[in-house]
């Protein structure tokens, strides 16, 4: 195994262990910006590169995944506690589905509870 191959494998292992991933943003949004227009007259708009916003959304998703893993592996929580906490996390995922249009790969996007749950 050469050094580049080793680095790739190491990056993959660390990303899996830390719950970090490299989600790709949909091409139509690349290079764009998000503009927040205040309702108060005379105040300045706020412009944010969509890449920066997308990065924060992906970081939030990754941190929720780590939290989910820690809850499921926790030996002091009861099964009912784990289920209740899992429901809160699923609710967070559901709230974040608004931002799924930013993901190039739909399998990387958020999924909340199914409507028939």
PDB file of N, CA and C in Angstrom:
ATOM      1  N   UNK A   1       0.856  -1.180   0.000  1.00  0.00           N
ATOM      2  CA  UNK A   1       0.000   0.000   0.000  1.00  0.00           C
ATOM      3  C   UNK A   1       0.900   1.240   0.000  1.00  0.00           C
ATOM      4  N   UNK A   2       0.667   2.125  -0.964  1.00  0.00           N
ATOM      5  CA  UNK A   2       1.464   3.347  -1.009  1.00  0.00           C
ATOM      6  C   UNK A   2       0.903   4.386  -0.036  1.00  0.00           C
ATOM      7  N   UNK A   3       1.618   5.478   0.157  1.00  0.00           N
ATOM      8  CA  UNK A   3       1.260   6.489   1.153  1.00  0.00           C
ATOM      9  C   UNK A   3      -0.080   7.154   0.845  1.00  0.00           C
ATOM     10  N   UNK A   4      -0.380   7.401  -0.424  1.00  0.00           N
ATOM     11  CA  UNK A   4      -1.654   8.037  -0.781  1.00  0.00           C
ATOM     12  C   UNK A   4      -2.836   7.114  -0.492  1.00  0.00           C
ATOM     13  N   UNK A   5      -2.656   5.842  -0.781  1.00  0.00           N
ATOM     14  CA  UNK A   5      -3.690   4.866  -0.489  1.00  0.00           C
ATOM     15  C   UNK A   5      -3.916   4.778   1.025  1.00  0.00           C
ATOM     16  N   UNK A   6      -2.835   4.766   1.777  1.00  0.00           N
ATOM     17  CA  UNK A   6      -2.915   4.726   3.235  1.00  0.00           C
ATOM     18  C   UNK A   6      -3.660   5.944   3.770  1.00  0.00           C
ATOM     19  N   UNK A   7      -3.347   7.118   3.248  1.00  0.00           N
ATOM     20  CA  UNK A   7      -4.012   8.349   3.682  1.00  0.00           C
ATOM     21  C   UNK A   7      -5.510   8.303   3.397  1.00  0.00           C
ATOM     22  N   UNK A   8      -5.873   7.793   2.211  1.00  0.00           N
ATOM     23  CA  UNK A   8      -7.304   7.679   1.867  1.00  0.00           C
ATOM     24  C   UNK A   8      -8.028   6.753   2.833  1.00  0.00           C
ATOM     25  N   UNK A   9      -7.408   5.613   3.117  1.00  0.00           N
ATOM     26  CA  UNK A   9      -8.013   4.650   4.042  1.00  0.00           C
ATOM     27  C   UNK A   9      -8.130   5.269   5.430  1.00  0.00           C
ATOM     28  N   UNK A  10      -7.075   5.929   5.885  1.00  0.00           N
ATOM     29  CA  UNK A  10      -7.097   6.566   7.201  1.00  0.00           C
ATOM     30  C   UNK A  10      -8.181   7.636   7.281  1.00  0.00           C
ATOM     31  N   UNK A  11      -8.304   8.463   6.226  1.00  0.00           N
ATOM     32  CA  UNK A  11      -9.362   9.490   6.196  1.00  0.00           C
ATOM     33  C   UNK A  11     -10.741   8.861   6.284  1.00  0.00           C
ATOM     34  N   UNK A  12     -10.958   7.774   5.551  1.00  0.00           N
ATOM     35  CA  UNK A  12     -12.251   7.084   5.570  1.00  0.00           C
ATOM     36  C   UNK A  12     -12.568   6.532   6.950  1.00  0.00           C
ATOM     37  N   UNK A  13     -11.563   5.928   7.591  1.00  0.00           N
ATOM     38  CA  UNK A  13     -11.768   5.361   8.933  1.00  0.00           C
ATOM     39  C   UNK A  13     -12.091   6.477   9.928  1.00  0.00           C
ATOM     40  N   UNK A  14     -11.319   7.547   9.896  1.00  0.00           N
ATOM     41  CA  UNK A  14     -11.572   8.665  10.811  1.00  0.00           C
ATOM     42  C   UNK A  14     -12.951   9.292  10.565  1.00  0.00           C
ATOM     43  N   UNK A  15     -13.315   9.450   9.313  1.00  0.00           N
ATOM     44  CA  UNK A  15     -14.628  10.023   8.994  1.00  0.00           C
ATOM     45  C   UNK A  15     -15.740   9.139   9.526  1.00  0.00           C
ATOM     46  N   UNK A  16     -15.595   7.822   9.390  1.00  0.00           N
ATOM     47  CA  UNK A  16     -16.603   6.904   9.914  1.00  0.00           C
ATOM     48  C   UNK A  16     -16.689   6.986  11.435  1.00  0.00           C
ATOM     49  N   UNK A  17     -15.537   6.997  12.093  1.00  0.00           N
ATOM     50  CA  UNK A  17     -15.506   7.016  13.557  1.00  0.00           C
ATOM     51  C   UNK A  17     -16.031   8.334  14.122  1.00  0.00           C
ATOM     52  N   UNK A  18     -15.738   9.430  13.452  1.00  0.00           N
ATOM     53  CA  UNK A  18     -16.169  10.737  13.936  1.00  0.00           C
ATOM     54  C   UNK A  18     -17.551  11.132  13.427  1.00  0.00           C
ATOM     55  N   UNK A  19     -18.124  10.322  12.570  1.00  0.00           N
ATOM     56  CA  UNK A  19     -19.437  10.639  12.026  1.00  0.00           C
ATOM     57  C   UNK A  19     -19.393  11.789  11.043  1.00  0.00           C
ATOM     58  N   UNK A  20     -18.258  11.991  10.409  1.00  0.00           N
ATOM     59  CA  UNK A  20     -18.074  13.099   9.466  1.00  0.00           C
ATOM     60  C   UNK A  20     -18.156  12.551   8.051  1.00  0.00           C
ATOM     61  N   UNK A  21     -18.808  13.288   7.192  1.00  0.00           N
ATOM     62  CA  UNK A  21     -18.887  12.838   5.808  1.00  0.00           C
ATOM     63  C   UNK A  21     -18.672  14.007   4.858  1.00  0.00           C
ATOM     64  N   UNK A  22     -18.482  13.666   3.604  1.00  0.00           N
ATOM     65  CA  UNK A  22     -18.271  14.680   2.570  1.00  0.00           C
ATOM     66  C   UNK A  22     -19.482  14.673   1.639  1.00  0.00           C
ATOM     67  N   UNK A  23     -20.519  15.305   2.035  1.00  0.00           N
ATOM     68  CA  UNK A  23     -21.698  15.396   1.185  1.00  0.00           C
ATOM     69  C   UNK A  23     -21.432  16.427   0.095  1.00  0.00           C
ATOM     70  N   UNK A  24     -21.892  16.120  -1.089  1.00  0.00           N
ATOM     71  CA  UNK A  24     -21.741  17.040  -2.211  1.00  0.00           C
ATOM     72  C   UNK A  24     -22.991  17.908  -2.337  1.00  0.00           C
ATOM     73  N   UNK A  25     -22.763  19.164  -2.612  1.00  0.00           N
ATOM     74  CA  UNK A  25     -23.875  20.084  -2.815  1.00  0.00           C
ATOM     75  C   UNK A  25     -24.350  19.963  -4.263  1.00  0.00           C
ATOM     76  N   UNK A  26     -25.646  20.072  -4.465  1.00  0.00           N
ATOM     77  CA  UNK A  26     -26.212  20.015  -5.816  1.00  0.00           C
ATOM     78  C   UNK A  26     -25.587  21.113  -6.674  1.00  0.00           C
ATOM     79  N   UNK A  27     -25.230  20.777  -7.908  1.00  0.00           N
ATOM     80  CA  UNK A  27     -24.523  21.741  -8.784  1.00  0.00           C
ATOM     81  C   UNK A  27     -25.255  23.065  -8.970  1.00  0.00           C
ATOM     82  N   UNK A  28     -26.566  23.045  -8.987  1.00  0.00           N
ATOM     83  CA  UNK A  28     -27.288  24.303  -9.246  1.00  0.00           C
ATOM     84  C   UNK A  28     -27.063  25.357  -8.166  1.00  0.00           C
ATOM     85  N   UNK A  29     -26.630  24.935  -6.960  1.00  0.00           N
ATOM     86  CA  UNK A  29     -26.438  25.875  -5.858  1.00  0.00           C
ATOM     87  C   UNK A  29     -24.988  26.313  -5.702  1.00  0.00           C
ATOM     88  N   UNK A  30     -24.063  25.623  -6.359  1.00  0.00           N
ATOM     89  CA  UNK A  30     -22.640  25.935  -6.201  1.00  0.00           C
ATOM     90  C   UNK A  30     -22.351  27.347  -6.696  1.00  0.00           C
ATOM     91  N   UNK A  31     -21.622  28.088  -5.889  1.00  0.00           N
ATOM     92  CA  UNK A  31     -21.272  29.466  -6.228  1.00  0.00           C
ATOM     93  C   UNK A  31     -22.361  30.470  -5.883  1.00  0.00           C
ATOM     94  N   UNK A  32     -23.481  29.973  -5.367  1.00  0.00           N
ATOM     95  CA  UNK A  32     -24.597  30.864  -5.033  1.00  0.00           C
ATOM     96  C   UNK A  32     -24.449  31.474  -3.652  1.00  0.00           C
ATOM     97  N   UNK A  33     -25.401  32.308  -3.317  1.00  0.00           N
ATOM     98  CA  UNK A  33     -25.406  32.890  -1.978  1.00  0.00           C
ATOM     99  C   UNK A  33     -26.829  32.985  -1.460  1.00  0.00           C
ATOM    100  N   UNK A  34     -26.923  32.956  -0.165  1.00  0.00           N
ATOM    101  CA  UNK A  34     -28.207  33.085   0.505  1.00  0.00           C
ATOM    102  C   UNK A  34     -28.305  34.539   0.967  1.00  0.00           C
ATOM    103  N   UNK A  35     -29.428  35.170   0.681  1.00  0.00           N
ATOM    104  CA  UNK A  35     -29.606  36.568   1.051  1.00  0.00           C
ATOM    105  C   UNK A  35     -30.744  36.653   2.055  1.00  0.00           C
ATOM    106  N   UNK A  36     -30.432  37.188   3.233  1.00  0.00           N
ATOM    107  CA  UNK A  36     -31.437  37.398   4.271  1.00  0.00           C
ATOM    108  C   UNK A  36     -31.820  38.870   4.238  1.00  0.00           C
ATOM    109  N   UNK A  37     -33.077  39.117   3.962  1.00  0.00           N
ATOM    110  CA  UNK A  37     -33.566  40.487   3.853  1.00  0.00           C
ATOM    111  C   UNK A  37     -34.370  40.802   5.110  1.00  0.00           C
ATOM    112  N   UNK A  38     -33.894  41.747   5.921  1.00  0.00           N
ATOM    113  CA  UNK A  38     -34.604  42.084   7.157  1.00  0.00           C
ATOM    114  C   UNK A  38     -35.926  42.798   6.873  1.00  0.00           C
ATOM    115  N   UNK A  39     -36.859  42.619   7.763  1.00  0.00           N
ATOM    116  CA  UNK A  39     -38.154  43.279   7.624  1.00  0.00           C
ATOM    117  C   UNK A  39     -38.134  44.713   8.092  1.00  0.00           C
ATOM    118  N   UNK A  40     -37.114  45.108   8.801  1.00  0.00           N
ATOM    119  CA  UNK A  40     -37.000  46.473   9.308  1.00  0.00           C
ATOM    120  C   UNK A  40     -36.369  47.359   8.237  1.00  0.00           C
ATOM    121  N   UNK A  41     -37.092  48.364   7.773  1.00  0.00           N
ATOM    122  CA  UNK A  41     -36.556  49.257   6.735  1.00  0.00           C
ATOM    123  C   UNK A  41     -35.265  49.940   7.193  1.00  0.00           C
ATOM    124  N   UNK A  42     -34.353  50.109   6.249  1.00  0.00           N
ATOM    125  CA  UNK A  42     -33.107  50.814   6.536  1.00  0.00           C
ATOM    126  C   UNK A  42     -32.012  49.921   7.100  1.00  0.00           C
ATOM    127  N   UNK A  43     -32.296  48.632   7.259  1.00  0.00           N
ATOM    128  CA  UNK A  43     -31.250  47.731   7.750  1.00  0.00           C
ATOM    129  C   UNK A  43     -30.679  46.941   6.583  1.00  0.00           C
ATOM    130  N   UNK A  44     -29.444  46.543   6.733  1.00  0.00           N
ATOM    131  CA  UNK A  44     -28.705  45.922   5.640  1.00  0.00           C
ATOM    132  C   UNK A  44     -29.018  44.431   5.489  1.00  0.00           C
ATOM    133  N   UNK A  45     -29.035  43.985   4.229  1.00  0.00           N
ATOM    134  CA  UNK A  45     -29.186  42.556   3.940  1.00  0.00           C
ATOM    135  C   UNK A  45     -27.959  41.811   4.462  1.00  0.00           C
ATOM    136  N   UNK A  46     -28.125  40.530   4.712  1.00  0.00           N
ATOM    137  CA  UNK A  46     -27.006  39.664   5.084  1.00  0.00           C
ATOM    138  C   UNK A  46     -26.832  38.647   3.977  1.00  0.00           C
ATOM    139  N   UNK A  47     -25.643  38.557   3.425  1.00  0.00           N
ATOM    140  CA  UNK A  47     -25.349  37.614   2.347  1.00  0.00           C
ATOM    141  C   UNK A  47     -24.391  36.550   2.866  1.00  0.00           C
ATOM    142  N   UNK A  48     -24.742  35.301   2.613  1.00  0.00           N
ATOM    143  CA  UNK A  48     -23.942  34.165   3.073  1.00  0.00           C
ATOM    144  C   UNK A  48     -23.716  33.236   1.882  1.00  0.00           C
ATOM    145  N   UNK A  49     -22.468  32.853   1.615  1.00  0.00           N
ATOM    146  CA  UNK A  49     -22.240  31.880   0.547  1.00  0.00           C
ATOM    147  C   UNK A  49     -22.982  30.574   0.872  1.00  0.00           C
ATOM    148  N   UNK A  50     -23.655  30.023  -0.118  1.00  0.00           N
ATOM    149  CA  UNK A  50     -24.420  28.796   0.115  1.00  0.00           C
ATOM    150  C   UNK A  50     -23.493  27.666   0.545  1.00  0.00           C
ATOM    151  N   UNK A  51     -22.265  27.636   0.043  1.00  0.00           N
ATOM    152  CA  UNK A  51     -21.320  26.590   0.451  1.00  0.00           C
ATOM    153  C   UNK A  51     -21.100  26.616   1.966  1.00  0.00           C
ATOM    154  N   UNK A  52     -20.979  27.807   2.552  1.00  0.00           N
ATOM    155  CA  UNK A  52     -20.776  27.927   3.998  1.00  0.00           C
ATOM    156  C   UNK A  52     -22.014  27.438   4.746  1.00  0.00           C
ATOM    157  N   UNK A  53     -23.179  27.816   4.277  1.00  0.00           N
ATOM    158  CA  UNK A  53     -24.427  27.379   4.901  1.00  0.00           C
ATOM    159  C   UNK A  53     -24.575  25.860   4.782  1.00  0.00           C
ATOM    160  N   UNK A  54     -24.298  25.321   3.602  1.00  0.00           N
ATOM    161  CA  UNK A  54     -24.397  23.879   3.368  1.00  0.00           C
ATOM    162  C   UNK A  54     -23.437  23.129   4.288  1.00  0.00           C
ATOM    163  N   UNK A  55     -22.229  23.636   4.447  1.00  0.00           N
ATOM    164  CA  UNK A  55     -21.245  23.007   5.328  1.00  0.00           C
ATOM    165  C   UNK A  55     -21.784  22.925   6.759  1.00  0.00           C
ATOM    166  N   UNK A  56     -22.425  23.973   7.227  1.00  0.00           N
ATOM    167  CA  UNK A  56     -22.992  23.972   8.581  1.00  0.00           C
ATOM    168  C   UNK A  56     -24.140  22.966   8.706  1.00  0.00           C
ATOM    169  N   UNK A  57     -24.952  22.852   7.667  1.00  0.00           N
ATOM    170  CA  UNK A  57     -26.045  21.870   7.669  1.00  0.00           C
ATOM    171  C   UNK A  57     -25.477  20.457   7.735  1.00  0.00           C
ATOM    172  N   UNK A  58     -24.445  20.188   6.955  1.00  0.00           N
ATOM    173  CA  UNK A  58     -23.816  18.856   6.958  1.00  0.00           C
ATOM    174  C   UNK A  58     -23.179  18.575   8.318  1.00  0.00           C
ATOM    175  N   UNK A  59     -22.537  19.567   8.913  1.00  0.00           N
ATOM    176  CA  UNK A  59     -21.945  19.382  10.244  1.00  0.00           C
ATOM    177  C   UNK A  59     -23.025  19.058  11.274  1.00  0.00           C
ATOM    178  N   UNK A  60     -24.171  19.735  11.181  1.00  0.00           N
ATOM    179  CA  UNK A  60     -25.264  19.464  12.104  1.00  0.00           C
ATOM    180  C   UNK A  60     -25.764  18.030  11.922  1.00  0.00           C
ATOM    181  N   UNK A  61     -25.915  17.603  10.678  1.00  0.00           N
ATOM    182  CA  UNK A  61     -26.350  16.238  10.394  1.00  0.00           C
ATOM    183  C   UNK A  61     -25.366  15.229  10.983  1.00  0.00           C
ATOM    184  N   UNK A  62     -24.078  15.478  10.791  1.00  0.00           N
ATOM    185  CA  UNK A  62     -23.068  14.566  11.303  1.00  0.00           C
ATOM    186  C   UNK A  62     -23.088  14.504  12.828  1.00  0.00           C
ATOM    187  N   UNK A  63     -23.280  15.636  13.465  1.00  0.00           N
ATOM    188  CA  UNK A  63     -23.329  15.658  14.932  1.00  0.00           C
ATOM    189  C   UNK A  63     -24.574  14.954  15.448  1.00  0.00           C
ATOM    190  N   UNK A  64     -25.682  15.064  14.741  1.00  0.00           N
ATOM    191  CA  UNK A  64     -26.883  14.322  15.129  1.00  0.00           C
ATOM    192  C   UNK A  64     -26.652  12.815  14.998  1.00  0.00           C
ATOM    193  N   UNK A  65     -25.933  12.410  13.972  1.00  0.00           N
ATOM    194  CA  UNK A  65     -25.623  10.986  13.792  1.00  0.00           C
ATOM    195  C   UNK A  65     -24.756  10.464  14.929  1.00  0.00           C
ATOM    196  N   UNK A  66     -23.763  11.257  15.349  1.00  0.00           N
ATOM    197  CA  UNK A  66     -22.908  10.857  16.462  1.00  0.00           C
ATOM    198  C   UNK A  66     -23.732  10.764  17.746  1.00  0.00           C
ATOM    199  N   UNK A  67     -24.594  11.748  17.973  1.00  0.00           N
ATOM    200  CA  UNK A  67     -25.469  11.723  19.149  1.00  0.00           C
ATOM    201  C   UNK A  67     -26.331  10.474  19.153  1.00  0.00           C
ATOM    202  N   UNK A  68     -26.867  10.139  17.995  1.00  0.00           N
ATOM    203  CA  UNK A  68     -27.688   8.942  17.842  1.00  0.00           C
ATOM    204  C   UNK A  68     -26.897   7.687  18.229  1.00  0.00           C
ATOM    205  N   UNK A  69     -25.672   7.591  17.756  1.00  0.00           N
ATOM    206  CA  UNK A  69     -24.823   6.443  18.074  1.00  0.00           C
ATOM    207  C   UNK A  69     -24.517   6.374  19.560  1.00  0.00           C
ATOM    208  N   UNK A  70     -24.227   7.519  20.157  1.00  0.00           N
ATOM    209  CA  UNK A  70     -23.904   7.546  21.584  1.00  0.00           C
ATOM    210  C   UNK A  70     -25.114   7.160  22.430  1.00  0.00           C
ATOM    211  N   UNK A  71     -26.286   7.602  22.034  1.00  0.00           N
ATOM    212  CA  UNK A  71     -27.505   7.231  22.764  1.00  0.00           C
ATOM    213  C   UNK A  71     -27.730   5.731  22.663  1.00  0.00           C
ATOM    214  N   UNK A  72     -27.633   5.193  21.465  1.00  0.00           N
ATOM    215  CA  UNK A  72     -27.877   3.767  21.266  1.00  0.00           C
ATOM    216  C   UNK A  72     -26.854   2.890  21.984  1.00  0.00           C
ATOM    217  N   UNK A  73     -25.629   3.377  22.146  1.00  0.00           N
ATOM    218  CA  UNK A  73     -24.580   2.592  22.796  1.00  0.00           C
ATOM    219  C   UNK A  73     -24.520   2.813  24.310  1.00  0.00           C
ATOM    220  N   UNK A  74     -25.268   3.782  24.811  1.00  0.00           N
ATOM    221  CA  UNK A  74     -25.194   4.130  26.233  1.00  0.00           C
ATOM    222  C   UNK A  74     -25.797   3.016  27.077  1.00  0.00           C
ATOM    223  N   UNK A  75     -25.042   2.532  28.045  1.00  0.00           N
ATOM    224  CA  UNK A  75     -25.525   1.402  28.847  1.00  0.00           C
ATOM    225  C   UNK A  75     -26.323   1.813  30.081  1.00  0.00           C
ATOM    226  N   UNK A  76     -26.384   3.091  30.395  1.00  0.00           N
ATOM    227  CA  UNK A  76     -27.146   3.545  31.567  1.00  0.00           C
ATOM    228  C   UNK A  76     -28.571   3.988  31.207  1.00  0.00           C
ATOM    229  N   UNK A  77     -28.863   4.132  29.920  1.00  0.00           N
ATOM    230  CA  UNK A  77     -30.206   4.529  29.501  1.00  0.00           C
ATOM    231  C   UNK A  77     -31.077   3.293  29.335  1.00  0.00           C
ATOM    232  N   UNK A  78     -32.329   3.436  29.712  1.00  0.00           N
ATOM    233  CA  UNK A  78     -33.264   2.340  29.485  1.00  0.00           C
ATOM    234  C   UNK A  78     -33.669   2.334  28.012  1.00  0.00           C
ATOM    235  N   UNK A  79     -34.257   1.242  27.586  1.00  0.00           N
ATOM    236  CA  UNK A  79     -34.722   1.171  26.193  1.00  0.00           C
ATOM    237  C   UNK A  79     -35.761   2.244  25.912  1.00  0.00           C
ATOM    238  N   UNK A  80     -36.634   2.507  26.875  1.00  0.00           N
ATOM    239  CA  UNK A  80     -37.658   3.540  26.644  1.00  0.00           C
ATOM    240  C   UNK A  80     -37.030   4.928  26.568  1.00  0.00           C
ATOM    241  N   UNK A  81     -35.983   5.174  27.359  1.00  0.00           N
ATOM    242  CA  UNK A  81     -35.266   6.458  27.265  1.00  0.00           C
ATOM    243  C   UNK A  81     -34.625   6.606  25.890  1.00  0.00           C
ATOM    244  N   UNK A  82     -34.013   5.528  25.416  1.00  0.00           N
ATOM    245  CA  UNK A  82     -33.368   5.554  24.095  1.00  0.00           C
ATOM    246  C   UNK A  82     -34.389   5.829  23.003  1.00  0.00           C
ATOM    247  N   UNK A  83     -35.550   5.194  23.089  1.00  0.00           N
ATOM    248  CA  UNK A  83     -36.607   5.405  22.088  1.00  0.00           C
ATOM    249  C   UNK A  83     -37.073   6.854  22.121  1.00  0.00           C
ATOM    250  N   UNK A  84     -37.280   7.389  23.318  1.00  0.00           N
ATOM    251  CA  UNK A  84     -37.750   8.775  23.441  1.00  0.00           C
ATOM    252  C   UNK A  84     -36.718   9.756  22.872  1.00  0.00           C
ATOM    253  N   UNK A  85     -35.447   9.574  23.199  1.00  0.00           N
ATOM    254  CA  UNK A  85     -34.402  10.449  22.667  1.00  0.00           C
ATOM    255  C   UNK A  85     -34.275  10.299  21.155  1.00  0.00           C
ATOM    256  N   UNK A  86     -34.414   9.074  20.673  1.00  0.00           N
ATOM    257  CA  UNK A  86     -34.359   8.820  19.236  1.00  0.00           C
ATOM    258  C   UNK A  86     -35.490   9.561  18.510  1.00  0.00           C
ATOM    259  N   UNK A  87     -36.654   9.637  19.142  1.00  0.00           N
ATOM    260  CA  UNK A  87     -37.781  10.353  18.539  1.00  0.00           C
ATOM    261  C   UNK A  87     -37.478  11.845  18.402  1.00  0.00           C
ATOM    262  N   UNK A  88     -36.788  12.407  19.383  1.00  0.00           N
ATOM    263  CA  UNK A  88     -36.396  13.816  19.292  1.00  0.00           C
ATOM    264  C   UNK A  88     -35.415  14.025  18.131  1.00  0.00           C
ATOM    265  N   UNK A  89     -34.467  13.112  17.987  1.00  0.00           N
ATOM    266  CA  UNK A  89     -33.495  13.215  16.895  1.00  0.00           C
ATOM    267  C   UNK A  89     -34.196  13.083  15.548  1.00  0.00           C
ATOM    268  N   UNK A  90     -35.125  12.137  15.453  1.00  0.00           N
ATOM    269  CA  UNK A  90     -35.890  11.968  14.212  1.00  0.00           C
ATOM    270  C   UNK A  90     -36.676  13.234  13.900  1.00  0.00           C
ATOM    271  N   UNK A  91     -37.208  13.879  14.929  1.00  0.00           N
ATOM    272  CA  UNK A  91     -37.907  15.153  14.735  1.00  0.00           C
ATOM    273  C   UNK A  91     -36.976  16.226  14.203  1.00  0.00           C
ATOM    274  N   UNK A  92     -35.743  16.243  14.690  1.00  0.00           N
ATOM    275  CA  UNK A  92     -34.743  17.200  14.177  1.00  0.00           C
ATOM    276  C   UNK A  92     -34.456  16.931  12.709  1.00  0.00           C
ATOM    277  N   UNK A  93     -34.269  15.656  12.362  1.00  0.00           N
ATOM    278  CA  UNK A  93     -34.057  15.303  10.958  1.00  0.00           C
ATOM    279  C   UNK A  93     -35.235  15.774  10.109  1.00  0.00           C
ATOM    280  N   UNK A  94     -36.443  15.554  10.608  1.00  0.00           N
ATOM    281  CA  UNK A  94     -37.641  15.961   9.874  1.00  0.00           C
ATOM    282  C   UNK A  94     -37.685  17.460   9.640  1.00  0.00           C
ATOM    283  N   UNK A  95     -37.300  18.224  10.649  1.00  0.00           N
ATOM    284  CA  UNK A  95     -37.271  19.679  10.515  1.00  0.00           C
ATOM    285  C   UNK A  95     -36.247  20.112   9.470  1.00  0.00           C
ATOM    286  N   UNK A  96     -35.143  19.398   9.404  1.00  0.00           N
ATOM    287  CA  UNK A  96     -34.060  19.762   8.489  1.00  0.00           C
ATOM    288  C   UNK A  96     -34.288  19.294   7.053  1.00  0.00           C
ATOM    289  N   UNK A  97     -35.363  18.552   6.790  1.00  0.00           N
ATOM    290  CA  UNK A  97     -35.633  18.094   5.421  1.00  0.00           C
ATOM    291  C   UNK A  97     -35.847  19.266   4.466  1.00  0.00           C
ATOM    292  N   UNK A  98     -36.147  20.426   4.992  1.00  0.00           N
ATOM    293  CA  UNK A  98     -36.292  21.627   4.172  1.00  0.00           C
ATOM    294  C   UNK A  98     -35.049  21.862   3.322  1.00  0.00           C
ATOM    295  N   UNK A  99     -33.895  21.479   3.845  1.00  0.00           N
ATOM    296  CA  UNK A  99     -32.625  21.756   3.175  1.00  0.00           C
ATOM    297  C   UNK A  99     -32.166  20.620   2.259  1.00  0.00           C
ATOM    298  N   UNK A 100     -32.993  19.604   2.059  1.00  0.00           N
ATOM    299  CA  UNK A 100     -32.605  18.472   1.208  1.00  0.00           C
ATOM    300  C   UNK A 100     -32.312  18.884  -0.231  1.00  0.00           C
ATOM    301  N   UNK A 101     -32.907  19.963  -0.698  1.00  0.00           N
ATOM    302  CA  UNK A 101     -32.681  20.403  -2.070  1.00  0.00           C
ATOM    303  C   UNK A 101     -31.233  20.804  -2.311  1.00  0.00           C
ATOM    304  N   UNK A 102     -30.471  21.032  -1.253  1.00  0.00           N
ATOM    305  CA  UNK A 102     -29.074  21.412  -1.399  1.00  0.00           C
ATOM    306  C   UNK A 102     -28.157  20.223  -1.680  1.00  0.00           C
ATOM    307  N   UNK A 103     -28.618  18.997  -1.381  1.00  0.00           N
ATOM    308  CA  UNK A 103     -27.776  17.807  -1.523  1.00  0.00           C
ATOM    309  C   UNK A 103     -27.803  17.270  -2.951  1.00  0.00           C
ATOM    310  N   UNK A 104     -26.630  16.967  -3.486  1.00  0.00           N
ATOM    311  CA  UNK A 104     -26.531  16.370  -4.821  1.00  0.00           C
ATOM    312  C   UNK A 104     -27.027  14.929  -4.791  1.00  0.00           C
ATOM    313  N   UNK A 105     -26.701  14.215  -3.725  1.00  0.00           N
ATOM    314  CA  UNK A 105     -27.075  12.814  -3.575  1.00  0.00           C
ATOM    315  C   UNK A 105     -28.176  12.708  -2.525  1.00  0.00           C
ATOM    316  N   UNK A 106     -29.357  12.313  -2.938  1.00  0.00           N
ATOM    317  CA  UNK A 106     -30.504  12.242  -2.021  1.00  0.00           C
ATOM    318  C   UNK A 106     -30.283  11.279  -0.860  1.00  0.00           C
ATOM    319  N   UNK A 107     -29.401  10.291  -1.029  1.00  0.00           N
ATOM    320  CA  UNK A 107     -29.139   9.362   0.074  1.00  0.00           C
ATOM    321  C   UNK A 107     -28.374  10.042   1.212  1.00  0.00           C
ATOM    322  N   UNK A 108     -27.772  11.206   0.951  1.00  0.00           N
ATOM    323  CA  UNK A 108     -27.060  11.966   1.977  1.00  0.00           C
ATOM    324  C   UNK A 108     -27.994  12.931   2.721  1.00  0.00           C
ATOM    325  N   UNK A 109     -29.201  13.111   2.214  1.00  0.00           N
ATOM    326  CA  UNK A 109     -30.122  14.107   2.750  1.00  0.00           C
ATOM    327  C   UNK A 109     -30.777  13.639   4.056  1.00  0.00           C
ATOM    328  N   UNK A 110     -31.538  14.525   4.649  1.00  0.00           N
ATOM    329  CA  UNK A 110     -32.247  14.232   5.904  1.00  0.00           C
ATOM    330  C   UNK A 110     -33.502  13.428   5.636  1.00  0.00           C
ATOM    331  N   UNK A 111     -33.844  12.573   6.592  1.00  0.00           N
ATOM    332  CA  UNK A 111     -35.096  11.822   6.526  1.00  0.00           C
ATOM    333  C   UNK A 111     -35.709  11.870   7.909  1.00  0.00           C
ATOM    334  N   UNK A 112     -36.929  12.353   7.988  1.00  0.00           N
ATOM    335  CA  UNK A 112     -37.650  12.370   9.257  1.00  0.00           C
ATOM    336  C   UNK A 112     -38.477  11.109   9.383  1.00  0.00           C
ATOM    337  N   UNK A 113     -39.440  11.149  10.275  1.00  0.00           N
ATOM    338  CA  UNK A 113     -40.338  10.001  10.455  1.00  0.00           C
ATOM    339  C   UNK A 113     -41.256   9.897   9.256  1.00  0.00           C
ATOM    340  N   UNK A 114     -41.559   8.679   8.860  1.00  0.00           N
ATOM    341  CA  UNK A 114     -42.503   8.467   7.756  1.00  0.00           C
ATOM    342  C   UNK A 114     -43.883   8.894   8.216  1.00  0.00           C
ATOM    343  N   UNK A 115     -44.708   9.294   7.278  1.00  0.00           N
ATOM    344  CA  UNK A 115     -46.043   9.805   7.617  1.00  0.00           C
ATOM    345  C   UNK A 115     -46.907   8.751   8.304  1.00  0.00           C
ATOM    346  N   UNK A 116     -46.660   7.464   8.044  1.00  0.00           N
ATOM    347  CA  UNK A 116     -47.495   6.429   8.650  1.00  0.00           C
ATOM    348  C   UNK A 116     -46.926   5.926   9.978  1.00  0.00           C
ATOM    349  N   UNK A 117     -45.837   6.556  10.502  1.00  0.00           N
ATOM    350  CA  UNK A 117     -45.271   6.161  11.799  1.00  0.00           C
ATOM    351  C   UNK A 117     -46.160   6.600  12.933  1.00  0.00           C
TER     352      UNK A 117
END
